[in-house]
Amino acid sequence: MVIDISHVRNLPLFRHMEPAALTRLMARATPQRFPQGAIVFEQGAEAVAFYVLLHGRLKVSQVTADGQQVMVRVVHPGDLFGFARALTRNDYPGTAKAAMDSLVISWPMTDWDAVVEGHPRLAMNAMQAIGQRLDEAHTRLREMSTQEVERRVAHAVLRLAEKAGCVEEAGTRIDFPISRQDIAEMTGTTLHTVSRLLSAWESRGLVEGGRQKLMVTDAEGLARIADPED
């Protein structure tokens, strides 16, 4: 499968790259399709490749030393992921699983240095992407350290709606299967607490739920819960 650069040149990671350079880069890329539920790589496995998601969504989770599973990230189209070498690691720190049918492209991890050194614009875009990841992680850590659980869950749902929202007549539907357990793991709380909150929000007309489905029907109302002082 040959990758048409018209499908990737507007992604943030490749933006402003010269067409010839982007064509050479894509010539070395390997496209792979992953059906919903398939694992792209597992936590602790040797990091043999780095990836960009072209289509679909991925969930990245980690298992802590005490055996607790934590969902640490949702990978969205255009995102760089699995870049263990940039983190000076030889293994993947988490497990990436397809939340829906997904298409990724990958390069051998041994190409990382050459790719970064040979494409300055790509290197700048990659640094910005990694910096954004760190900023998001700091935001979540700050929320878990300083905010009560209802605010944390509201922030998480609003971020999902912003990043993976499909606007419909009734509201903004999160476009991939998301469970209450996923939200609990993302916000450092329990399934019982998330279920209680979402049920209360449904009764107030803020969200609509279902089996691994979630729609935000009143974003302003949910935002007032997330940031009541604003």
C-alpha atoms as a PDB file:
ATOM      1  CA  MET A   1       0.000   0.000   0.000  1.00  0.00           C
ATOM      2  CA  VAL A   2       1.521   3.302  -1.150  1.00  0.00           C
ATOM      3  CA  ILE A   3       0.725   6.360   0.955  1.00  0.00           C
ATOM      4  CA  ASP A   4      -0.528   9.330  -1.024  1.00  0.00           C
ATOM      5  CA  ILE A   5       1.146  12.413   0.464  1.00  0.00           C
ATOM      6  CA  SER A   6      -2.046  14.388  -0.120  1.00  0.00           C
ATOM      7  CA  HIS A   7      -3.531  12.361   2.761  1.00  0.00           C
ATOM      8  CA  VAL A   8      -0.816  13.350   5.222  1.00  0.00           C
ATOM      9  CA  ARG A   9       0.681  16.708   4.227  1.00  0.00           C
ATOM     10  CA  ASN A  10      -1.867  18.715   6.212  1.00  0.00           C
ATOM     11  CA  LEU A  11      -1.352  16.757   9.422  1.00  0.00           C
ATOM     12  CA  PRO A  12       0.357  18.900  12.087  1.00  0.00           C
ATOM     13  CA  LEU A  13       3.408  16.624  12.196  1.00  0.00           C
ATOM     14  CA  PHE A  14       4.130  17.002   8.475  1.00  0.00           C
ATOM     15  CA  ARG A  15       2.934  20.556   7.958  1.00  0.00           C
ATOM     16  CA  HIS A  16       5.311  22.847   6.013  1.00  0.00           C
ATOM     17  CA  MET A  17       7.532  19.964   4.891  1.00  0.00           C
ATOM     18  CA  GLU A  18       8.765  20.154   1.323  1.00  0.00           C
ATOM     19  CA  PRO A  19       6.786  17.786  -0.934  1.00  0.00           C
ATOM     20  CA  ALA A  20       9.937  15.980  -2.089  1.00  0.00           C
ATOM     21  CA  ALA A  21      11.084  15.396   1.494  1.00  0.00           C
ATOM     22  CA  LEU A  22       7.642  14.208   2.529  1.00  0.00           C
ATOM     23  CA  THR A  23       7.517  11.830  -0.441  1.00  0.00           C
ATOM     24  CA  ARG A  24      10.876  10.309   0.565  1.00  0.00           C
ATOM     25  CA  LEU A  25       9.725   9.973   4.158  1.00  0.00           C
ATOM     26  CA  MET A  26       6.467   8.254   3.178  1.00  0.00           C
ATOM     27  CA  ALA A  27       8.381   5.862   0.903  1.00  0.00           C
ATOM     28  CA  ARG A  28       9.971   4.368   4.033  1.00  0.00           C
ATOM     29  CA  ALA A  29       6.712   4.200   5.980  1.00  0.00           C
ATOM     30  CA  THR A  30       4.751   0.989   6.544  1.00  0.00           C
ATOM     31  CA  PRO A  31       0.943   1.299   6.682  1.00  0.00           C
ATOM     32  CA  GLN A  32      -1.000  -1.111   8.898  1.00  0.00           C
ATOM     33  CA  ARG A  33      -4.683  -1.557   9.627  1.00  0.00           C
ATOM     34  CA  PHE A  34      -5.826  -2.550  13.121  1.00  0.00           C
ATOM     35  CA  PRO A  35      -9.420  -3.662  13.723  1.00  0.00           C
ATOM     36  CA  GLN A  36     -11.191  -2.540  16.878  1.00  0.00           C
ATOM     37  CA  GLY A  37      -9.639  -4.253  19.884  1.00  0.00           C
ATOM     38  CA  ALA A  38      -6.342  -5.116  18.167  1.00  0.00           C
ATOM     39  CA  ILE A  39      -3.117  -4.263  19.969  1.00  0.00           C
ATOM     40  CA  VAL A  40      -0.554  -2.112  18.188  1.00  0.00           C
ATOM     41  CA  PHE A  41       2.130  -2.685  20.821  1.00  0.00           C
ATOM     42  CA  GLU A  42       2.243  -3.875  24.432  1.00  0.00           C
ATOM     43  CA  GLN A  43       3.717  -2.299  27.541  1.00  0.00           C
ATOM     44  CA  GLY A  44       7.253  -3.523  28.126  1.00  0.00           C
ATOM     45  CA  ALA A  45       7.743  -4.830  24.592  1.00  0.00           C
ATOM     46  CA  GLU A  46      10.881  -3.832  22.704  1.00  0.00           C
ATOM     47  CA  ALA A  47      10.259  -0.532  20.935  1.00  0.00           C
ATOM     48  CA  VAL A  48      10.894  -1.506  17.325  1.00  0.00           C
ATOM     49  CA  ALA A  49       8.886   1.223  15.566  1.00  0.00           C
ATOM     50  CA  PHE A  50       7.338   4.648  15.994  1.00  0.00           C
ATOM     51  CA  TYR A  51       3.944   5.557  14.584  1.00  0.00           C
ATOM     52  CA  VAL A  52       1.497   8.157  13.333  1.00  0.00           C
ATOM     53  CA  LEU A  53      -2.242   7.520  13.442  1.00  0.00           C
ATOM     54  CA  LEU A  54      -3.971   8.346  10.165  1.00  0.00           C
ATOM     55  CA  HIS A  55      -7.507   7.190  10.915  1.00  0.00           C
ATOM     56  CA  GLY A  56      -9.407   5.886  13.938  1.00  0.00           C
ATOM     57  CA  ARG A  57      -8.669   6.198  17.637  1.00  0.00           C
ATOM     58  CA  LEU A  58      -6.351   4.333  19.991  1.00  0.00           C
ATOM     59  CA  LYS A  59      -6.421   3.946  23.756  1.00  0.00           C
ATOM     60  CA  VAL A  60      -3.085   3.820  25.569  1.00  0.00           C
ATOM     61  CA  SER A  61      -3.050   2.211  29.003  1.00  0.00           C
ATOM     62  CA  GLN A  62      -0.449   1.342  31.607  1.00  0.00           C
ATOM     63  CA  VAL A  63      -0.419  -1.280  34.330  1.00  0.00           C
ATOM     64  CA  THR A  64       1.142   0.065  37.523  1.00  0.00           C
ATOM     65  CA  ALA A  65       3.519  -1.837  39.795  1.00  0.00           C
ATOM     66  CA  ASP A  66       0.595  -2.849  42.023  1.00  0.00           C
ATOM     67  CA  GLY A  67      -1.387  -4.226  39.072  1.00  0.00           C
ATOM     68  CA  GLN A  68      -3.794  -1.314  38.555  1.00  0.00           C
ATOM     69  CA  GLN A  69      -4.642  -0.458  34.947  1.00  0.00           C
ATOM     70  CA  VAL A  70      -4.699   3.227  34.066  1.00  0.00           C
ATOM     71  CA  MET A  71      -5.787   4.750  30.763  1.00  0.00           C
ATOM     72  CA  VAL A  72      -3.198   7.431  30.115  1.00  0.00           C
ATOM     73  CA  ARG A  73      -4.013   8.720  26.656  1.00  0.00           C
ATOM     74  CA  VAL A  74      -6.311   8.675  23.667  1.00  0.00           C
ATOM     75  CA  VAL A  75      -4.435   8.831  20.349  1.00  0.00           C
ATOM     76  CA  HIS A  76      -6.232  10.944  17.747  1.00  0.00           C
ATOM     77  CA  PRO A  77      -5.701  11.126  13.962  1.00  0.00           C
ATOM     78  CA  GLY A  78      -2.452  12.898  13.159  1.00  0.00           C
ATOM     79  CA  ASP A  79      -0.868  12.081  16.526  1.00  0.00           C
ATOM     80  CA  LEU A  80       2.685  10.788  16.840  1.00  0.00           C
ATOM     81  CA  PHE A  81       2.932   7.869  19.273  1.00  0.00           C
ATOM     82  CA  GLY A  82       5.235   5.057  20.327  1.00  0.00           C
ATOM     83  CA  PHE A  83       8.294   7.340  20.118  1.00  0.00           C
ATOM     84  CA  ALA A  84      10.179   5.544  22.891  1.00  0.00           C
ATOM     85  CA  ARG A  85      13.607   6.558  21.565  1.00  0.00           C
ATOM     86  CA  ALA A  86      12.758  10.229  22.070  1.00  0.00           C
ATOM     87  CA  LEU A  87      12.122   9.343  25.723  1.00  0.00           C
ATOM     88  CA  THR A  88      15.471   7.474  25.910  1.00  0.00           C
ATOM     89  CA  ARG A  89      13.616   4.186  26.387  1.00  0.00           C
ATOM     90  CA  ASN A  90      14.133   0.830  24.698  1.00  0.00           C
ATOM     91  CA  ASP A  91      10.629  -0.403  25.479  1.00  0.00           C
ATOM     92  CA  TYR A  92       7.083   0.907  25.176  1.00  0.00           C
ATOM     93  CA  PRO A  93       5.824   2.457  28.444  1.00  0.00           C
ATOM     94  CA  GLY A  94       2.183   1.536  27.700  1.00  0.00           C
ATOM     95  CA  THR A  95      -0.118  -0.645  25.633  1.00  0.00           C
ATOM     96  CA  ALA A  96      -1.801   0.876  22.562  1.00  0.00           C
ATOM     97  CA  LYS A  97      -5.073  -0.722  21.501  1.00  0.00           C
ATOM     98  CA  ALA A  98      -7.424   0.234  18.672  1.00  0.00           C
ATOM     99  CA  ALA A  99     -10.621   1.752  20.084  1.00  0.00           C
ATOM    100  CA  MET A 100     -12.130   1.495  16.600  1.00  0.00           C
ATOM    101  CA  ASP A 101     -10.905   0.327  13.204  1.00  0.00           C
ATOM    102  CA  SER A 102      -7.687   2.293  12.722  1.00  0.00           C
ATOM    103  CA  LEU A 103      -4.961   2.945  10.157  1.00  0.00           C
ATOM    104  CA  VAL A 104      -1.422   3.731  11.267  1.00  0.00           C
ATOM    105  CA  ILE A 105       1.882   4.277   9.525  1.00  0.00           C
ATOM    106  CA  SER A 106       5.181   3.322  11.109  1.00  0.00           C
ATOM    107  CA  TRP A 107       8.912   3.580  10.678  1.00  0.00           C
ATOM    108  CA  PRO A 108      11.634   1.420  12.255  1.00  0.00           C
ATOM    109  CA  MET A 109      12.777   2.904  15.557  1.00  0.00           C
ATOM    110  CA  THR A 110      16.317   2.776  14.191  1.00  0.00           C
ATOM    111  CA  ASP A 111      15.223   5.466  11.698  1.00  0.00           C
ATOM    112  CA  TRP A 112      14.267   7.952  14.426  1.00  0.00           C
ATOM    113  CA  ASP A 113      17.587   9.801  14.589  1.00  0.00           C
ATOM    114  CA  ALA A 114      17.948   9.993  10.803  1.00  0.00           C
ATOM    115  CA  VAL A 115      14.351  11.141  10.360  1.00  0.00           C
ATOM    116  CA  VAL A 116      14.692  13.892  12.955  1.00  0.00           C
ATOM    117  CA  GLU A 117      18.125  15.042  11.793  1.00  0.00           C
ATOM    118  CA  GLY A 118      17.236  14.919   8.099  1.00  0.00           C
ATOM    119  CA  HIS A 119      13.946  16.807   8.336  1.00  0.00           C
ATOM    120  CA  PRO A 120      14.277  19.974  10.473  1.00  0.00           C
ATOM    121  CA  ARG A 121      10.638  20.995  10.008  1.00  0.00           C
ATOM    122  CA  LEU A 122       9.486  17.531  11.054  1.00  0.00           C
ATOM    123  CA  ALA A 123      11.819  17.687  14.063  1.00  0.00           C
ATOM    124  CA  MET A 124      10.262  21.001  15.149  1.00  0.00           C
ATOM    125  CA  ASN A 125       6.749  19.630  14.711  1.00  0.00           C
ATOM    126  CA  ALA A 126       7.664  16.484  16.658  1.00  0.00           C
ATOM    127  CA  MET A 127       9.096  18.573  19.508  1.00  0.00           C
ATOM    128  CA  GLN A 128       5.885  20.586  19.630  1.00  0.00           C
ATOM    129  CA  ALA A 129       3.824  17.368  19.690  1.00  0.00           C
ATOM    130  CA  ILE A 130       5.904  15.920  22.524  1.00  0.00           C
ATOM    131  CA  GLY A 131       5.692  19.214  24.408  1.00  0.00           C
ATOM    132  CA  GLN A 132       1.918  19.209  24.027  1.00  0.00           C
ATOM    133  CA  ARG A 133       1.811  15.673  25.416  1.00  0.00           C
ATOM    134  CA  LEU A 134       3.794  16.770  28.455  1.00  0.00           C
ATOM    135  CA  ASP A 135       1.551  19.799  28.967  1.00  0.00           C
ATOM    136  CA  GLU A 136      -1.542  17.575  28.825  1.00  0.00           C
ATOM    137  CA  ALA A 137       0.022  15.205  31.349  1.00  0.00           C
ATOM    138  CA  HIS A 138       0.822  18.106  33.678  1.00  0.00           C
ATOM    139  CA  THR A 139      -2.748  19.381  33.364  1.00  0.00           C
ATOM    140  CA  ARG A 140      -4.187  15.999  34.327  1.00  0.00           C
ATOM    141  CA  LEU A 141      -1.751  15.677  37.225  1.00  0.00           C
ATOM    142  CA  ARG A 142      -2.693  19.153  38.478  1.00  0.00           C
ATOM    143  CA  GLU A 143      -6.386  18.337  38.217  1.00  0.00           C
ATOM    144  CA  MET A 144      -5.985  15.090  40.156  1.00  0.00           C
ATOM    145  CA  SER A 145      -3.940  16.873  42.814  1.00  0.00           C
ATOM    146  CA  THR A 146      -6.148  19.924  43.307  1.00  0.00           C
ATOM    147  CA  GLN A 147      -9.680  19.336  42.010  1.00  0.00           C
ATOM    148  CA  GLU A 148     -12.605  17.398  43.368  1.00  0.00           C
ATOM    149  CA  VAL A 149     -13.655  14.397  41.340  1.00  0.00           C
ATOM    150  CA  GLU A 150     -16.720  15.928  39.655  1.00  0.00           C
ATOM    151  CA  ARG A 151     -14.608  18.705  38.160  1.00  0.00           C
ATOM    152  CA  ARG A 152     -11.978  16.224  36.966  1.00  0.00           C
ATOM    153  CA  VAL A 153     -14.550  14.060  35.227  1.00  0.00           C
ATOM    154  CA  ALA A 154     -16.192  17.103  33.638  1.00  0.00           C
ATOM    155  CA  HIS A 155     -12.825  18.269  32.289  1.00  0.00           C
ATOM    156  CA  ALA A 156     -12.096  14.794  30.885  1.00  0.00           C
ATOM    157  CA  VAL A 157     -15.456  14.548  29.125  1.00  0.00           C
ATOM    158  CA  LEU A 158     -15.115  18.049  27.658  1.00  0.00           C
ATOM    159  CA  ARG A 159     -11.621  17.250  26.353  1.00  0.00           C
ATOM    160  CA  LEU A 160     -12.917  14.074  24.718  1.00  0.00           C
ATOM    161  CA  ALA A 161     -15.750  16.021  23.110  1.00  0.00           C
ATOM    162  CA  GLU A 162     -13.310  18.646  21.835  1.00  0.00           C
ATOM    163  CA  LYS A 163     -10.783  16.161  20.429  1.00  0.00           C
ATOM    164  CA  ALA A 164     -13.108  13.374  19.266  1.00  0.00           C
ATOM    165  CA  GLY A 165     -16.475  15.089  19.012  1.00  0.00           C
ATOM    166  CA  CYS A 166     -18.930  14.684  16.165  1.00  0.00           C
ATOM    167  CA  VAL A 167     -21.496  17.495  16.190  1.00  0.00           C
ATOM    168  CA  GLU A 168     -25.071  16.277  15.807  1.00  0.00           C
ATOM    169  CA  GLU A 169     -28.467  17.877  16.300  1.00  0.00           C
ATOM    170  CA  ALA A 170     -28.737  16.675  19.902  1.00  0.00           C
ATOM    171  CA  GLY A 171     -25.177  17.563  20.901  1.00  0.00           C
ATOM    172  CA  THR A 172     -21.563  16.477  20.472  1.00  0.00           C
ATOM    173  CA  ARG A 173     -21.078  12.727  20.281  1.00  0.00           C
ATOM    174  CA  ILE A 174     -17.714  11.199  21.163  1.00  0.00           C
ATOM    175  CA  ASP A 175     -16.950   9.263  18.003  1.00  0.00           C
ATOM    176  CA  PHE A 176     -15.363   6.130  19.438  1.00  0.00           C
ATOM    177  CA  PRO A 177     -16.464   3.592  22.066  1.00  0.00           C
ATOM    178  CA  ILE A 178     -15.716   5.035  25.497  1.00  0.00           C
ATOM    179  CA  SER A 179     -16.706   3.237  28.683  1.00  0.00           C
ATOM    180  CA  ARG A 180     -17.313   4.558  32.153  1.00  0.00           C
ATOM    181  CA  GLN A 181     -14.338   2.474  33.284  1.00  0.00           C
ATOM    182  CA  ASP A 182     -12.166   4.313  30.730  1.00  0.00           C
ATOM    183  CA  ILE A 183     -13.230   7.654  32.176  1.00  0.00           C
ATOM    184  CA  ALA A 184     -12.596   6.401  35.705  1.00  0.00           C
ATOM    185  CA  GLU A 185      -9.052   5.378  34.748  1.00  0.00           C
ATOM    186  CA  MET A 186      -8.422   8.708  33.031  1.00  0.00           C
ATOM    187  CA  THR A 187      -9.492  10.708  36.081  1.00  0.00           C
ATOM    188  CA  GLY A 188      -8.093   8.620  38.927  1.00  0.00           C
ATOM    189  CA  THR A 189     -11.428   7.645  40.410  1.00  0.00           C
ATOM    190  CA  THR A 190     -13.723   4.625  40.586  1.00  0.00           C
ATOM    191  CA  LEU A 191     -16.251   3.165  38.176  1.00  0.00           C
ATOM    192  CA  HIS A 192     -18.960   3.645  40.816  1.00  0.00           C
ATOM    193  CA  THR A 193     -18.192   7.365  41.116  1.00  0.00           C
ATOM    194  CA  VAL A 194     -18.175   7.948  37.351  1.00  0.00           C
ATOM    195  CA  SER A 195     -21.429   6.003  36.945  1.00  0.00           C
ATOM    196  CA  ARG A 196     -23.055   8.081  39.685  1.00  0.00           C
ATOM    197  CA  LEU A 197     -21.887  11.365  38.150  1.00  0.00           C
ATOM    198  CA  LEU A 198     -22.907  10.511  34.587  1.00  0.00           C
ATOM    199  CA  SER A 199     -26.325   9.330  35.755  1.00  0.00           C
ATOM    200  CA  ALA A 200     -26.813  12.609  37.639  1.00  0.00           C
ATOM    201  CA  TRP A 201     -25.690  14.607  34.603  1.00  0.00           C
ATOM    202  CA  GLU A 202     -28.057  12.672  32.362  1.00  0.00           C
ATOM    203  CA  SER A 203     -30.962  13.558  34.625  1.00  0.00           C
ATOM    204  CA  ARG A 204     -29.944  17.234  34.323  1.00  0.00           C
ATOM    205  CA  GLY A 205     -29.708  17.067  30.525  1.00  0.00           C
ATOM    206  CA  LEU A 206     -25.956  17.594  30.379  1.00  0.00           C
ATOM    207  CA  VAL A 207     -25.024  14.295  28.717  1.00  0.00           C
ATOM    208  CA  GLU A 208     -26.581  11.233  27.147  1.00  0.00           C
ATOM    209  CA  GLY A 209     -25.013   7.837  27.751  1.00  0.00           C
ATOM    210  CA  GLY A 210     -25.302   4.269  26.618  1.00  0.00           C
ATOM    211  CA  ARG A 211     -23.163   1.170  26.251  1.00  0.00           C
ATOM    212  CA  GLN A 212     -19.712   2.636  25.566  1.00  0.00           C
ATOM    213  CA  LYS A 213     -21.419   5.733  24.145  1.00  0.00           C
ATOM    214  CA  LEU A 214     -21.381   9.299  25.362  1.00  0.00           C
ATOM    215  CA  MET A 215     -22.816  12.538  24.004  1.00  0.00           C
ATOM    216  CA  VAL A 216     -22.431  16.005  25.518  1.00  0.00           C
ATOM    217  CA  THR A 217     -25.801  17.707  25.191  1.00  0.00           C
ATOM    218  CA  ASP A 218     -25.054  20.833  27.254  1.00  0.00           C
ATOM    219  CA  ALA A 219     -21.392  21.790  26.946  1.00  0.00           C
ATOM    220  CA  GLU A 220     -21.893  25.125  28.714  1.00  0.00           C
ATOM    221  CA  GLY A 221     -23.515  23.445  31.689  1.00  0.00           C
ATOM    222  CA  LEU A 222     -20.716  20.896  31.874  1.00  0.00           C
ATOM    223  CA  ALA A 223     -18.129  23.674  31.598  1.00  0.00           C
ATOM    224  CA  ARG A 224     -19.677  25.399  34.622  1.00  0.00           C
ATOM    225  CA  ILE A 225     -19.097  22.220  36.611  1.00  0.00           C
ATOM    226  CA  ALA A 226     -15.513  21.932  35.348  1.00  0.00           C
ATOM    227  CA  ASP A 227     -14.686  25.576  36.139  1.00  0.00           C
ATOM    228  CA  PRO A 228     -17.329  27.008  38.465  1.00  0.00           C
ATOM    229  CA  GLU A 229     -15.346  30.199  39.082  1.00  0.00           C
ATOM    230  CA  ASP A 230     -15.328  31.207  35.391  1.00  0.00           C
END
